């Protein structure tokens, strides 16, 4: 299934370093229990670990959670 992420109404950047060994359940629990945000809305949640060249994202598409993992080859993200 292709997802048009330009229609996402909210983008949440989870502050701090996240344990990047976590999968869908672990990251979803951070969103729900640490930040008290409802996961099943039109929102994408971005997580960064100790290395700034990779991030993970969660998105509810209506059927299930999409789990994205991105590692940048030449460059780094600047999380403020």
Protein backbone atom coordinates (compact mmCIF):
# COMPACT_ATOMS: atom_id res chain seq x y z
CA UNK A 1 0.00 0.00 0.00
CA UNK A 2 1.30 3.43 -0.90
CA UNK A 3 0.77 6.19 1.63
CA UNK A 4 0.57 9.87 0.78
CA UNK A 5 2.41 11.39 3.73
CA UNK A 6 1.62 14.92 2.51
CA UNK A 7 -1.88 14.43 3.97
CA UNK A 8 -0.59 13.82 7.50
CA UNK A 9 -2.01 16.52 9.77
CA UNK A 10 0.41 16.15 12.71
CA UNK A 11 4.11 15.36 12.90
CA UNK A 12 5.52 14.62 16.34
CA UNK A 13 9.29 14.56 16.90
CA UNK A 14 10.00 12.57 20.05
CA UNK A 15 12.65 14.50 21.95
CA UNK A 16 15.70 12.88 23.44
CA UNK A 17 17.43 9.68 22.48
CA UNK A 18 15.27 6.65 21.89
CA UNK A 19 16.49 3.09 22.24
CA UNK A 20 16.58 2.16 18.55
CA UNK A 21 16.35 -1.54 19.39
CA UNK A 22 12.64 -0.99 20.07
CA UNK A 23 10.12 -2.16 17.54
CA UNK A 24 6.53 -1.17 16.88
CA UNK A 25 5.20 -2.12 20.32
CA UNK A 26 8.01 -0.40 22.20
CA UNK A 27 7.81 2.83 20.24
CA UNK A 28 4.00 2.85 20.41
CA UNK A 29 4.16 2.50 24.18
CA UNK A 30 6.43 5.56 24.37
CA UNK A 31 3.88 7.60 22.41
CA UNK A 32 0.92 6.40 24.46
CA UNK A 33 2.29 6.20 27.99
CA UNK A 34 5.14 8.70 28.20
CA UNK A 35 3.57 11.43 26.06
CA UNK A 36 -0.14 10.53 26.49
CA UNK A 37 -0.83 10.94 22.76
CA UNK A 38 -3.41 8.86 20.93
CA UNK A 39 -1.46 6.80 18.38
CA UNK A 40 -4.36 6.10 16.02
CA UNK A 41 -4.83 9.57 14.56
CA UNK A 42 -3.57 11.11 11.36
CA UNK A 43 -0.07 11.64 12.73
CA UNK A 44 3.47 10.44 12.18
CA UNK A 45 5.86 9.98 15.08
CA UNK A 46 9.62 10.36 14.54
CA UNK A 47 12.26 8.84 16.83
CA UNK A 48 16.03 9.35 16.83
CA UNK A 49 18.64 7.31 18.67
CA UNK A 50 22.20 8.12 19.69
CA UNK A 51 23.45 8.25 16.13
CA UNK A 52 22.10 11.13 14.10
CA UNK A 53 22.28 9.31 10.78
CA UNK A 54 19.18 7.16 11.37
CA UNK A 55 15.62 7.49 12.55
CA UNK A 56 12.43 5.46 12.94
CA UNK A 57 8.84 6.48 12.36
CA UNK A 58 5.39 5.15 13.19
CA UNK A 59 2.21 5.90 11.26
CA UNK A 60 -1.30 4.48 11.61
CA UNK A 61 -2.77 4.05 8.12
CA UNK A 62 -6.21 2.83 9.20
CA UNK A 63 -5.41 -0.89 8.86
CA UNK A 64 -2.28 -1.14 10.96
CA UNK A 65 0.87 0.63 12.01
CA UNK A 66 3.49 1.38 9.38
CA UNK A 67 7.01 1.12 10.78
CA UNK A 68 9.70 3.04 8.90
CA UNK A 69 13.45 2.91 9.41
CA UNK A 70 15.80 5.25 7.57
CA UNK A 71 19.60 5.32 7.62
CA UNK A 72 21.27 8.18 5.78
CA UNK A 73 24.47 7.17 3.98
CA UNK A 74 26.22 10.52 3.60
CA UNK A 75 24.98 13.04 6.12
CA UNK A 76 23.29 13.44 9.44
CA UNK A 77 20.03 14.77 10.83
CA UNK A 78 20.16 17.84 13.01
CA UNK A 79 17.68 17.40 15.84
CA UNK A 80 17.19 20.61 17.77
